[in-house]
C-alpha cells in the first residue's frame, strides 16, 4: 500500500512540473527576442566620426549590441557619399541583418539602401531622415530639428532687436536643412533681421573657422552666426576669438555637446540646443532587434530638444552628453 501511496503523491507532482515547463517554454518563445544560432550582424555608417555626437551614439549602441553577444560593424565614410555607398554594399556582402545609417547625402544614398532593403535587411535612419524613404526605411529616429532652429531664432529675437545674420549650413543633410529652415521661418516676417551670408561648411569645425575668418576679412557686417551644429559653432567661436570679436557676435549651435555647454557657461556662445544622442542610440538599437522579429515598418520618431543658455546652464552637466 505504501508503494501506491507514493505513486498517488508523485504523479501530481510530475504533472505539475510538466505543465509548468510547457507554460514556461511557450512564454519564452513568445516573449524573448529570438533564438539565434549565429550572432546578429549590424552595420552602422555615420556621415563622419569626426563629430563627437556620432561617437557617443556608436558607443552607446555598441554597449547594447555586444552585451547581447552580437556584432556591430562601424564604418566612417568621412563625408564621402561614394564611400558610404561602398560601405552599404559591404554590409550586404557581410550579410548584416540591420543597417543603421546616418546619410552623407539624403538623396544620393537611396539606391544603395533600396538594394539592401530588397535583400531583406532592416534599414534604420538615425539623426537625419532619408529622402523619400517611406518604401525602404523601416524606422527613423531624429531630434526635432526644425524646432531646434525655431528655439535659436526665438532666443535671438528676445536678445536683440535687430541683427545681421550669417548662416553656416550643410545642405546635403536633411536634419541640418530642417534646423536652418526652422530658424528662417521664425524670422521671415520680421524686418529687423537680415541674412547677410549663407555658407556651406558640412558641419565641420575645420571648414567653419576659415569661412568666418573670411567674412571678417571681407568686412561683412554681421552680429549673429546661426550654426547647424556645435562643431561649426566651435569653428565660428575660434575665428571670432582670434579677431577679438567674441563680445560683438552671438553664436548659436545645435547639439548640446560638452564643449559647447562650457562655451555657453563662459559667455562665448549665446546658446546651444540639447540633443539626446544616448537615448537616440538606445531607441535605434532596441528597435532594430524588434524589427528582426516582425515585418512591420515604424513611423519616424522625433525626439525632444531643449535650449541651453546662460540662464539654465546649471540644469545641465558640463561633462558629457545628455
C-alpha atoms as a PDB file:
ATOM      1  CA  UNK A   1       0.000   0.000   0.000  1.00  0.00           C
ATOM      2  CA  UNK A   2       2.896   2.363   0.738  1.00  0.00           C
ATOM      3  CA  UNK A   3       4.089   1.976  -2.840  1.00  0.00           C
ATOM      4  CA  UNK A   4       0.728   3.096  -4.218  1.00  0.00           C
ATOM      5  CA  UNK A   5       0.540   5.927  -1.730  1.00  0.00           C
ATOM      6  CA  UNK A   6       3.841   7.252  -3.061  1.00  0.00           C
ATOM      7  CA  UNK A   7       2.598   6.945  -6.625  1.00  0.00           C
ATOM      8  CA  UNK A   8      -0.504   8.948  -5.728  1.00  0.00           C
ATOM      9  CA  UNK A   9       1.772  11.725  -4.420  1.00  0.00           C
ATOM     10  CA  UNK A  10       4.372  11.606  -7.192  1.00  0.00           C
ATOM     11  CA  UNK A  11       2.053  11.583 -10.217  1.00  0.00           C
ATOM     12  CA  UNK A  12       0.505  15.039  -9.485  1.00  0.00           C
ATOM     13  CA  UNK A  13       3.999  16.477  -8.884  1.00  0.00           C
ATOM     14  CA  UNK A  14       5.215  15.152 -12.247  1.00  0.00           C
ATOM     15  CA  UNK A  15       2.118  16.560 -13.922  1.00  0.00           C
ATOM     16  CA  UNK A  16       2.674  19.944 -12.253  1.00  0.00           C
ATOM     17  CA  UNK A  17       6.288  20.094 -13.482  1.00  0.00           C
ATOM     18  CA  UNK A  18       5.207  19.102 -16.993  1.00  0.00           C
ATOM     19  CA  UNK A  19       2.549  21.807 -17.164  1.00  0.00           C
ATOM     20  CA  UNK A  20       4.918  24.421 -15.685  1.00  0.00           C
ATOM     21  CA  UNK A  21       7.681  23.564 -18.151  1.00  0.00           C
ATOM     22  CA  UNK A  22       5.265  23.762 -21.067  1.00  0.00           C
ATOM     23  CA  UNK A  23       3.950  27.145 -19.944  1.00  0.00           C
ATOM     24  CA  UNK A  24       7.482  28.442 -19.418  1.00  0.00           C
ATOM     25  CA  UNK A  25       8.584  27.250 -22.846  1.00  0.00           C
ATOM     26  CA  UNK A  26       5.589  28.896 -24.519  1.00  0.00           C
ATOM     27  CA  UNK A  27       6.131  32.134 -22.593  1.00  0.00           C
ATOM     28  CA  UNK A  28       9.837  32.176 -23.502  1.00  0.00           C
ATOM     29  CA  UNK A  29       9.145  31.537 -27.164  1.00  0.00           C
ATOM     30  CA  UNK A  30       6.586  34.327 -27.204  1.00  0.00           C
ATOM     31  CA  UNK A  31       8.400  36.979 -25.174  1.00  0.00           C
ATOM     32  CA  UNK A  32      12.131  36.528 -25.729  1.00  0.00           C
ATOM     33  CA  UNK A  33      13.700  38.200 -28.744  1.00  0.00           C
ATOM     34  CA  UNK A  34      14.506  35.241 -30.891  1.00  0.00           C
ATOM     35  CA  UNK A  35      16.782  32.275 -30.503  1.00  0.00           C
ATOM     36  CA  UNK A  36      19.697  32.722 -32.827  1.00  0.00           C
ATOM     37  CA  UNK A  37      22.290  30.207 -33.878  1.00  0.00           C
ATOM     38  CA  UNK A  38      24.736  32.904 -35.003  1.00  0.00           C
ATOM     39  CA  UNK A  39      25.323  36.441 -33.721  1.00  0.00           C
ATOM     40  CA  UNK A  40      23.261  39.196 -35.299  1.00  0.00           C
ATOM     41  CA  UNK A  41      25.365  41.433 -37.528  1.00  0.00           C
ATOM     42  CA  UNK A  42      24.532  45.129 -37.578  1.00  0.00           C
ATOM     43  CA  UNK A  43      26.267  47.612 -39.868  1.00  0.00           C
ATOM     44  CA  UNK A  44      26.493  51.289 -38.940  1.00  0.00           C
ATOM     45  CA  UNK A  45      27.705  54.157 -41.106  1.00  0.00           C
ATOM     46  CA  UNK A  46      27.545  57.787 -39.976  1.00  0.00           C
ATOM     47  CA  UNK A  47      28.324  60.746 -42.214  1.00  0.00           C
ATOM     48  CA  UNK A  48      31.522  61.317 -40.225  1.00  0.00           C
ATOM     49  CA  UNK A  49      33.031  60.159 -36.965  1.00  0.00           C
ATOM     50  CA  UNK A  50      34.856  63.497 -36.845  1.00  0.00           C
ATOM     51  CA  UNK A  51      31.968  64.614 -34.656  1.00  0.00           C
ATOM     52  CA  UNK A  52      31.621  63.548 -31.009  1.00  0.00           C
ATOM     53  CA  UNK A  53      27.839  63.311 -31.418  1.00  0.00           C
ATOM     54  CA  UNK A  54      28.174  60.215 -33.604  1.00  0.00           C
ATOM     55  CA  UNK A  55      30.924  58.772 -31.426  1.00  0.00           C
ATOM     56  CA  UNK A  56      28.529  58.864 -28.473  1.00  0.00           C
ATOM     57  CA  UNK A  57      25.752  57.217 -30.500  1.00  0.00           C
ATOM     58  CA  UNK A  58      28.073  54.473 -31.712  1.00  0.00           C
ATOM     59  CA  UNK A  59      29.481  53.780 -28.249  1.00  0.00           C
ATOM     60  CA  UNK A  60      26.010  53.519 -26.726  1.00  0.00           C
ATOM     61  CA  UNK A  61      24.812  51.139 -29.446  1.00  0.00           C
ATOM     62  CA  UNK A  62      27.955  49.036 -29.227  1.00  0.00           C
ATOM     63  CA  UNK A  63      27.468  48.528 -25.495  1.00  0.00           C
ATOM     64  CA  UNK A  64      23.996  47.108 -26.102  1.00  0.00           C
ATOM     65  CA  UNK A  65      24.912  45.003 -29.142  1.00  0.00           C
ATOM     66  CA  UNK A  66      27.975  43.396 -27.576  1.00  0.00           C
ATOM     67  CA  UNK A  67      26.117  42.765 -24.314  1.00  0.00           C
ATOM     68  CA  UNK A  68      23.705  40.697 -26.433  1.00  0.00           C
ATOM     69  CA  UNK A  69      26.590  38.741 -27.904  1.00  0.00           C
ATOM     70  CA  UNK A  70      26.096  40.315 -31.321  1.00  0.00           C
ATOM     71  CA  UNK A  71      28.349  42.223 -33.742  1.00  0.00           C
ATOM     72  CA  UNK A  72      28.327  45.911 -34.644  1.00  0.00           C
ATOM     73  CA  UNK A  73      30.410  46.844 -37.697  1.00  0.00           C
ATOM     74  CA  UNK A  74      31.041  50.601 -37.740  1.00  0.00           C
ATOM     75  CA  UNK A  75      32.472  52.349 -40.795  1.00  0.00           C
ATOM     76  CA  UNK A  76      33.326  56.024 -41.338  1.00  0.00           C
ATOM     77  CA  UNK A  77      32.685  57.450 -44.840  1.00  0.00           C
ATOM     78  CA  UNK A  78      34.371  60.732 -43.885  1.00  0.00           C
ATOM     79  CA  UNK A  79      31.646  62.827 -45.558  1.00  0.00           C
ATOM     80  CA  UNK A  80      32.021  60.955 -48.859  1.00  0.00           C
ATOM     81  CA  UNK A  81      28.735  59.673 -50.268  1.00  0.00           C
ATOM     82  CA  UNK A  82      30.642  57.368 -52.634  1.00  0.00           C
ATOM     83  CA  UNK A  83      32.434  55.760 -49.692  1.00  0.00           C
ATOM     84  CA  UNK A  84      29.161  55.380 -47.845  1.00  0.00           C
ATOM     85  CA  UNK A  85      27.585  53.609 -50.816  1.00  0.00           C
ATOM     86  CA  UNK A  86      30.572  51.228 -50.846  1.00  0.00           C
ATOM     87  CA  UNK A  87      30.049  50.642 -47.135  1.00  0.00           C
ATOM     88  CA  UNK A  88      26.384  49.749 -47.634  1.00  0.00           C
ATOM     89  CA  UNK A  89      27.404  47.223 -50.289  1.00  0.00           C
ATOM     90  CA  UNK A  90      29.974  45.837 -47.853  1.00  0.00           C
ATOM     91  CA  UNK A  91      27.264  45.411 -45.206  1.00  0.00           C
ATOM     92  CA  UNK A  92      25.223  43.468 -47.768  1.00  0.00           C
ATOM     93  CA  UNK A  93      28.211  41.225 -48.554  1.00  0.00           C
ATOM     94  CA  UNK A  94      28.760  40.633 -44.832  1.00  0.00           C
ATOM     95  CA  UNK A  95      25.122  39.508 -44.552  1.00  0.00           C
ATOM     96  CA  UNK A  96      24.225  42.132 -41.975  1.00  0.00           C
ATOM     97  CA  UNK A  97      20.634  41.795 -40.813  1.00  0.00           C
ATOM     98  CA  UNK A  98      20.344  45.508 -39.965  1.00  0.00           C
ATOM     99  CA  UNK A  99      21.917  48.678 -41.369  1.00  0.00           C
ATOM    100  CA  UNK A 100      21.881  51.824 -39.259  1.00  0.00           C
ATOM    101  CA  UNK A 101      22.563  54.809 -41.482  1.00  0.00           C
ATOM    102  CA  UNK A 102      23.266  58.478 -40.977  1.00  0.00           C
ATOM    103  CA  UNK A 103      23.433  59.566 -44.617  1.00  0.00           C
ATOM    104  CA  UNK A 104      26.150  61.759 -46.041  1.00  0.00           C
ATOM    105  CA  UNK A 105      23.666  62.773 -48.720  1.00  0.00           C
ATOM    106  CA  UNK A 106      19.995  62.072 -48.040  1.00  0.00           C
ATOM    107  CA  UNK A 107      19.146  61.806 -51.751  1.00  0.00           C
ATOM    108  CA  UNK A 108      22.133  60.102 -53.350  1.00  0.00           C
ATOM    109  CA  UNK A 109      22.195  57.270 -50.820  1.00  0.00           C
ATOM    110  CA  UNK A 110      18.709  55.987 -51.676  1.00  0.00           C
ATOM    111  CA  UNK A 111      19.547  53.475 -54.438  1.00  0.00           C
ATOM    112  CA  UNK A 112      22.066  51.647 -52.254  1.00  0.00           C
ATOM    113  CA  UNK A 113      19.600  51.469 -49.369  1.00  0.00           C
ATOM    114  CA  UNK A 114      16.829  50.222 -51.660  1.00  0.00           C
ATOM    115  CA  UNK A 115      19.158  47.430 -52.767  1.00  0.00           C
ATOM    116  CA  UNK A 116      19.807  46.442 -49.147  1.00  0.00           C
ATOM    117  CA  UNK A 117      16.121  46.576 -48.286  1.00  0.00           C
ATOM    118  CA  UNK A 118      15.263  44.342 -51.257  1.00  0.00           C
ATOM    119  CA  UNK A 119      17.531  41.701 -49.751  1.00  0.00           C
ATOM    120  CA  UNK A 120      15.528  41.731 -46.521  1.00  0.00           C
ATOM    121  CA  UNK A 121      17.901  43.907 -44.499  1.00  0.00           C
ATOM    122  CA  UNK A 122      16.225  46.189 -41.969  1.00  0.00           C
ATOM    123  CA  UNK A 123      17.159  49.846 -42.501  1.00  0.00           C
ATOM    124  CA  UNK A 124      17.194  52.386 -39.686  1.00  0.00           C
ATOM    125  CA  UNK A 125      17.958  56.065 -40.279  1.00  0.00           C
ATOM    126  CA  UNK A 126      19.413  57.895 -37.309  1.00  0.00           C
ATOM    127  CA  UNK A 127      19.740  61.644 -36.650  1.00  0.00           C
ATOM    128  CA  UNK A 128      18.582  62.573 -40.157  1.00  0.00           C
ATOM    129  CA  UNK A 129      15.897  61.203 -42.443  1.00  0.00           C
ATOM    130  CA  UNK A 130      16.416  59.732 -45.917  1.00  0.00           C
ATOM    131  CA  UNK A 131      14.858  61.372 -48.964  1.00  0.00           C
ATOM    132  CA  UNK A 132      11.557  59.661 -49.910  1.00  0.00           C
ATOM    133  CA  UNK A 133      12.446  56.737 -47.677  1.00  0.00           C
ATOM    134  CA  UNK A 134       8.918  55.589 -46.814  1.00  0.00           C
ATOM    135  CA  UNK A 135       9.152  52.485 -49.005  1.00  0.00           C
ATOM    136  CA  UNK A 136      12.526  51.185 -47.837  1.00  0.00           C
ATOM    137  CA  UNK A 137      13.322  52.736 -44.435  1.00  0.00           C
ATOM    138  CA  UNK A 138      11.945  50.644 -41.587  1.00  0.00           C
ATOM    139  CA  UNK A 139      12.423  53.221 -38.835  1.00  0.00           C
ATOM    140  CA  UNK A 140      13.762  56.756 -38.460  1.00  0.00           C
ATOM    141  CA  UNK A 141      14.760  58.388 -35.194  1.00  0.00           C
ATOM    142  CA  UNK A 142      15.717  62.074 -35.241  1.00  0.00           C
ATOM    143  CA  UNK A 143      15.700  65.092 -32.996  1.00  0.00           C
ATOM    144  CA  UNK A 144      13.001  67.670 -33.664  1.00  0.00           C
ATOM    145  CA  UNK A 145      15.430  69.530 -35.871  1.00  0.00           C
ATOM    146  CA  UNK A 146      13.001  72.124 -37.190  1.00  0.00           C
ATOM    147  CA  UNK A 147      12.053  73.126 -33.663  1.00  0.00           C
ATOM    148  CA  UNK A 148      15.744  73.372 -32.746  1.00  0.00           C
ATOM    149  CA  UNK A 149      16.063  76.142 -35.327  1.00  0.00           C
ATOM    150  CA  UNK A 150      12.903  77.790 -34.015  1.00  0.00           C
ATOM    151  CA  UNK A 151      14.319  77.850 -30.479  1.00  0.00           C
ATOM    152  CA  UNK A 152      17.517  79.546 -31.671  1.00  0.00           C
ATOM    153  CA  UNK A 153      15.550  82.203 -33.563  1.00  0.00           C
ATOM    154  CA  UNK A 154      13.243  82.896 -30.629  1.00  0.00           C
ATOM    155  CA  UNK A 155      16.180  83.338 -28.271  1.00  0.00           C
ATOM    156  CA  UNK A 156      17.838  85.716 -30.724  1.00  0.00           C
ATOM    157  CA  UNK A 157      14.632  87.767 -31.071  1.00  0.00           C
ATOM    158  CA  UNK A 158      14.374  88.000 -27.281  1.00  0.00           C
ATOM    159  CA  UNK A 159      18.034  89.024 -27.026  1.00  0.00           C
ATOM    160  CA  UNK A 160      18.450  91.665 -29.755  1.00  0.00           C
ATOM    161  CA  UNK A 161      16.003  93.994 -31.521  1.00  0.00           C
ATOM    162  CA  UNK A 162      17.763  93.646 -34.883  1.00  0.00           C
ATOM    163  CA  UNK A 163      20.532  91.543 -36.399  1.00  0.00           C
ATOM    164  CA  UNK A 164      22.604  90.823 -39.471  1.00  0.00           C
ATOM    165  CA  UNK A 165      22.936  87.066 -39.603  1.00  0.00           C
ATOM    166  CA  UNK A 166      25.440  84.629 -41.070  1.00  0.00           C
ATOM    167  CA  UNK A 167      24.216  81.051 -41.622  1.00  0.00           C
ATOM    168  CA  UNK A 168      26.566  78.061 -41.522  1.00  0.00           C
ATOM    169  CA  UNK A 169      24.816  75.189 -43.320  1.00  0.00           C
ATOM    170  CA  UNK A 170      25.050  71.605 -44.536  1.00  0.00           C
ATOM    171  CA  UNK A 171      22.700  71.286 -47.492  1.00  0.00           C
ATOM    172  CA  UNK A 172      23.118  67.525 -48.053  1.00  0.00           C
ATOM    173  CA  UNK A 173      21.787  66.588 -44.604  1.00  0.00           C
ATOM    174  CA  UNK A 174      18.026  66.801 -44.072  1.00  0.00           C
ATOM    175  CA  UNK A 175      18.491  67.400 -40.348  1.00  0.00           C
ATOM    176  CA  UNK A 176      20.702  70.423 -40.982  1.00  0.00           C
ATOM    177  CA  UNK A 177      18.318  71.806 -43.601  1.00  0.00           C
ATOM    178  CA  UNK A 178      15.401  71.452 -41.176  1.00  0.00           C
ATOM    179  CA  UNK A 179      17.289  73.378 -38.486  1.00  0.00           C
ATOM    180  CA  UNK A 180      18.085  76.283 -40.752  1.00  0.00           C
ATOM    181  CA  UNK A 181      14.528  76.304 -42.119  1.00  0.00           C
ATOM    182  CA  UNK A 182      13.105  76.420 -38.610  1.00  0.00           C
ATOM    183  CA  UNK A 183      15.295  79.445 -37.896  1.00  0.00           C
ATOM    184  CA  UNK A 184      14.434  81.201 -41.158  1.00  0.00           C
ATOM    185  CA  UNK A 185      10.685  80.584 -40.930  1.00  0.00           C
ATOM    186  CA  UNK A 186      10.623  82.116 -37.459  1.00  0.00           C
ATOM    187  CA  UNK A 187      12.152  85.406 -38.615  1.00  0.00           C
ATOM    188  CA  UNK A 188      10.768  85.627 -42.160  1.00  0.00           C
ATOM    189  CA  UNK A 189       8.131  88.269 -41.329  1.00  0.00           C
ATOM    190  CA  UNK A 190      10.413  90.354 -39.117  1.00  0.00           C
ATOM    191  CA  UNK A 191      12.015  93.265 -40.946  1.00  0.00           C
ATOM    192  CA  UNK A 192      14.833  93.882 -38.462  1.00  0.00           C
ATOM    193  CA  UNK A 193      16.561  90.534 -39.011  1.00  0.00           C
ATOM    194  CA  UNK A 194      18.546  90.066 -42.213  1.00  0.00           C
ATOM    195  CA  UNK A 195      20.560  87.182 -43.653  1.00  0.00           C
ATOM    196  CA  UNK A 196      23.822  88.657 -44.944  1.00  0.00           C
ATOM    197  CA  UNK A 197      25.626  85.416 -45.756  1.00  0.00           C
ATOM    198  CA  UNK A 198      24.872  81.721 -46.179  1.00  0.00           C
ATOM    199  CA  UNK A 199      27.803  79.314 -46.354  1.00  0.00           C
ATOM    200  CA  UNK A 200      28.261  75.551 -46.743  1.00  0.00           C
ATOM    201  CA  UNK A 201      30.571  74.075 -44.085  1.00  0.00           C
ATOM    202  CA  UNK A 202      29.338  70.430 -43.876  1.00  0.00           C
ATOM    203  CA  UNK A 203      29.041  70.887 -40.112  1.00  0.00           C
ATOM    204  CA  UNK A 204      32.816  70.775 -39.698  1.00  0.00           C
ATOM    205  CA  UNK A 205      34.881  72.982 -37.392  1.00  0.00           C
ATOM    206  CA  UNK A 206      37.758  72.936 -39.864  1.00  0.00           C
ATOM    207  CA  UNK A 207      35.553  74.434 -42.581  1.00  0.00           C
ATOM    208  CA  UNK A 208      33.541  76.821 -40.422  1.00  0.00           C
ATOM    209  CA  UNK A 209      36.536  78.605 -38.920  1.00  0.00           C
ATOM    210  CA  UNK A 210      38.097  79.841 -42.207  1.00  0.00           C
ATOM    211  CA  UNK A 211      34.633  80.804 -43.533  1.00  0.00           C
ATOM    212  CA  UNK A 212      34.053  83.124 -40.581  1.00  0.00           C
ATOM    213  CA  UNK A 213      37.606  84.417 -40.816  1.00  0.00           C
ATOM    214  CA  UNK A 214      36.978  85.299 -44.467  1.00  0.00           C
ATOM    215  CA  UNK A 215      33.735  87.070 -43.542  1.00  0.00           C
ATOM    216  CA  UNK A 216      35.697  89.187 -41.072  1.00  0.00           C
ATOM    217  CA  UNK A 217      38.454  89.831 -43.599  1.00  0.00           C
ATOM    218  CA  UNK A 218      35.841  90.949 -46.147  1.00  0.00           C
ATOM    219  CA  UNK A 219      34.395  93.379 -43.565  1.00  0.00           C
ATOM    220  CA  UNK A 220      30.998  91.694 -43.725  1.00  0.00           C
ATOM    221  CA  UNK A 221      28.657  93.401 -41.269  1.00  0.00           C
ATOM    222  CA  UNK A 222      27.195  90.682 -39.006  1.00  0.00           C
ATOM    223  CA  UNK A 223      26.352  90.271 -35.348  1.00  0.00           C
ATOM    224  CA  UNK A 224      24.763  86.772 -35.228  1.00  0.00           C
ATOM    225  CA  UNK A 225      26.017  83.414 -36.511  1.00  0.00           C
ATOM    226  CA  UNK A 226      23.447  80.632 -36.728  1.00  0.00           C
ATOM    227  CA  UNK A 227      25.247  77.268 -36.995  1.00  0.00           C
ATOM    228  CA  UNK A 228      23.713  73.964 -37.982  1.00  0.00           C
ATOM    229  CA  UNK A 229      25.592  72.138 -35.199  1.00  0.00           C
ATOM    230  CA  UNK A 230      28.107  72.573 -32.398  1.00  0.00           C
ATOM    231  CA  UNK A 231      31.302  71.729 -34.336  1.00  0.00           C
ATOM    232  CA  UNK A 232      30.599  74.548 -36.795  1.00  0.00           C
ATOM    233  CA  UNK A 233      29.761  76.836 -33.852  1.00  0.00           C
ATOM    234  CA  UNK A 234      33.122  75.997 -32.253  1.00  0.00           C
ATOM    235  CA  UNK A 235      34.824  76.962 -35.513  1.00  0.00           C
ATOM    236  CA  UNK A 236      32.942  80.253 -35.548  1.00  0.00           C
ATOM    237  CA  UNK A 237      33.904  80.985 -31.940  1.00  0.00           C
ATOM    238  CA  UNK A 238      37.568  80.241 -32.693  1.00  0.00           C
ATOM    239  CA  UNK A 239      37.565  82.691 -35.610  1.00  0.00           C
ATOM    240  CA  UNK A 240      35.841  85.388 -33.554  1.00  0.00           C
ATOM    241  CA  UNK A 241      38.242  84.864 -30.681  1.00  0.00           C
ATOM    242  CA  UNK A 242      41.270  85.223 -32.948  1.00  0.00           C
ATOM    243  CA  UNK A 243      39.852  88.523 -34.178  1.00  0.00           C
ATOM    244  CA  UNK A 244      38.753  89.777 -30.731  1.00  0.00           C
ATOM    245  CA  UNK A 245      35.082  89.862 -31.754  1.00  0.00           C
ATOM    246  CA  UNK A 246      33.526  87.457 -29.270  1.00  0.00           C
ATOM    247  CA  UNK A 247      31.741  90.264 -27.431  1.00  0.00           C
ATOM    248  CA  UNK A 248      30.214  91.591 -30.684  1.00  0.00           C
ATOM    249  CA  UNK A 249      28.626  88.450 -32.173  1.00  0.00           C
ATOM    250  CA  UNK A 250      26.031  85.988 -30.851  1.00  0.00           C
ATOM    251  CA  UNK A 251      26.803  82.384 -31.811  1.00  0.00           C
ATOM    252  CA  UNK A 252      24.135  79.653 -31.848  1.00  0.00           C
ATOM    253  CA  UNK A 253      24.878  75.938 -32.097  1.00  0.00           C
ATOM    254  CA  UNK A 254      22.856  72.737 -32.021  1.00  0.00           C
ATOM    255  CA  UNK A 255      23.886  69.519 -30.230  1.00  0.00           C
ATOM    256  CA  UNK A 256      24.426  70.248 -26.547  1.00  0.00           C
ATOM    257  CA  UNK A 257      27.987  68.914 -26.632  1.00  0.00           C
ATOM    258  CA  UNK A 258      30.121  69.320 -23.537  1.00  0.00           C
ATOM    259  CA  UNK A 259      32.446  71.768 -25.343  1.00  0.00           C
ATOM    260  CA  UNK A 260      29.527  73.973 -26.412  1.00  0.00           C
ATOM    261  CA  UNK A 261      27.994  73.916 -22.937  1.00  0.00           C
ATOM    262  CA  UNK A 262      31.285  75.142 -21.470  1.00  0.00           C
ATOM    263  CA  UNK A 263      31.365  77.977 -24.030  1.00  0.00           C
ATOM    264  CA  UNK A 264      27.769  78.908 -23.184  1.00  0.00           C
ATOM    265  CA  UNK A 265      28.630  78.854 -19.491  1.00  0.00           C
ATOM    266  CA  UNK A 266      31.658  81.096 -20.086  1.00  0.00           C
ATOM    267  CA  UNK A 267      29.702  83.520 -22.278  1.00  0.00           C
ATOM    268  CA  UNK A 268      31.460  82.723 -25.574  1.00  0.00           C
ATOM    269  CA  UNK A 269      28.347  81.194 -27.175  1.00  0.00           C
ATOM    270  CA  UNK A 270      24.820  82.521 -26.822  1.00  0.00           C
ATOM    271  CA  UNK A 271      23.144  79.106 -26.827  1.00  0.00           C
ATOM    272  CA  UNK A 272      23.208  75.528 -27.968  1.00  0.00           C
ATOM    273  CA  UNK A 273      20.291  73.139 -28.410  1.00  0.00           C
ATOM    274  CA  UNK A 274      20.410  69.958 -26.353  1.00  0.00           C
ATOM    275  CA  UNK A 275      20.031  66.737 -28.298  1.00  0.00           C
ATOM    276  CA  UNK A 276      19.995  63.370 -26.567  1.00  0.00           C
ATOM    277  CA  UNK A 277      22.311  61.019 -28.511  1.00  0.00           C
ATOM    278  CA  UNK A 278      22.409  58.293 -25.847  1.00  0.00           C
ATOM    279  CA  UNK A 279      18.634  57.994 -25.820  1.00  0.00           C
ATOM    280  CA  UNK A 280      18.568  58.162 -29.617  1.00  0.00           C
ATOM    281  CA  UNK A 281      21.054  55.293 -29.800  1.00  0.00           C
ATOM    282  CA  UNK A 282      19.023  53.144 -27.416  1.00  0.00           C
ATOM    283  CA  UNK A 283      15.845  53.755 -29.395  1.00  0.00           C
ATOM    284  CA  UNK A 284      17.587  52.838 -32.654  1.00  0.00           C
ATOM    285  CA  UNK A 285      19.218  49.628 -31.488  1.00  0.00           C
ATOM    286  CA  UNK A 286      16.261  48.350 -29.466  1.00  0.00           C
ATOM    287  CA  UNK A 287      14.018  48.986 -32.457  1.00  0.00           C
ATOM    288  CA  UNK A 288      16.489  47.086 -34.637  1.00  0.00           C
ATOM    289  CA  UNK A 289      16.002  43.976 -32.521  1.00  0.00           C
ATOM    290  CA  UNK A 290      12.222  44.424 -32.571  1.00  0.00           C
ATOM    291  CA  UNK A 291      12.211  44.744 -36.345  1.00  0.00           C
ATOM    292  CA  UNK A 292      14.047  41.457 -36.690  1.00  0.00           C
ATOM    293  CA  UNK A 293      11.033  39.768 -35.109  1.00  0.00           C
ATOM    294  CA  UNK A 294       8.452  41.327 -37.432  1.00  0.00           C
ATOM    295  CA  UNK A 295       7.982  42.812 -40.872  1.00  0.00           C
ATOM    296  CA  UNK A 296       6.314  45.957 -39.567  1.00  0.00           C
ATOM    297  CA  UNK A 297       7.675  49.350 -40.564  1.00  0.00           C
ATOM    298  CA  UNK A 298       7.605  52.098 -37.959  1.00  0.00           C
ATOM    299  CA  UNK A 299       6.978  55.785 -38.398  1.00  0.00           C
ATOM    300  CA  UNK A 300       9.570  58.487 -37.936  1.00  0.00           C
ATOM    301  CA  UNK A 301      10.128  59.316 -34.290  1.00  0.00           C
ATOM    302  CA  UNK A 302      11.078  62.850 -33.309  1.00  0.00           C
ATOM    303  CA  UNK A 303      12.832  63.347 -30.012  1.00  0.00           C
ATOM    304  CA  UNK A 304      12.575  66.414 -27.826  1.00  0.00           C
ATOM    305  CA  UNK A 305      15.145  69.218 -27.884  1.00  0.00           C
ATOM    306  CA  UNK A 306      15.854  71.938 -25.317  1.00  0.00           C
ATOM    307  CA  UNK A 307      17.706  75.220 -25.495  1.00  0.00           C
ATOM    308  CA  UNK A 308      20.705  75.716 -23.218  1.00  0.00           C
ATOM    309  CA  UNK A 309      21.582  79.302 -22.357  1.00  0.00           C
ATOM    310  CA  UNK A 310      23.416  81.077 -19.572  1.00  0.00           C
ATOM    311  CA  UNK A 311      20.090  81.244 -17.716  1.00  0.00           C
ATOM    312  CA  UNK A 312      19.565  77.471 -17.430  1.00  0.00           C
ATOM    313  CA  UNK A 313      23.067  76.044 -17.854  1.00  0.00           C
ATOM    314  CA  UNK A 314      23.026  74.861 -14.231  1.00  0.00           C
ATOM    315  CA  UNK A 315      20.365  72.314 -15.192  1.00  0.00           C
ATOM    316  CA  UNK A 316      22.848  70.522 -17.462  1.00  0.00           C
ATOM    317  CA  UNK A 317      26.112  68.759 -16.782  1.00  0.00           C
ATOM    318  CA  UNK A 318      29.138  70.404 -18.385  1.00  0.00           C
ATOM    319  CA  UNK A 319      30.788  66.994 -18.677  1.00  0.00           C
ATOM    320  CA  UNK A 320      29.435  64.557 -21.225  1.00  0.00           C
ATOM    321  CA  UNK A 321      26.203  64.401 -23.183  1.00  0.00           C
ATOM    322  CA  UNK A 322      22.612  64.323 -22.080  1.00  0.00           C
END
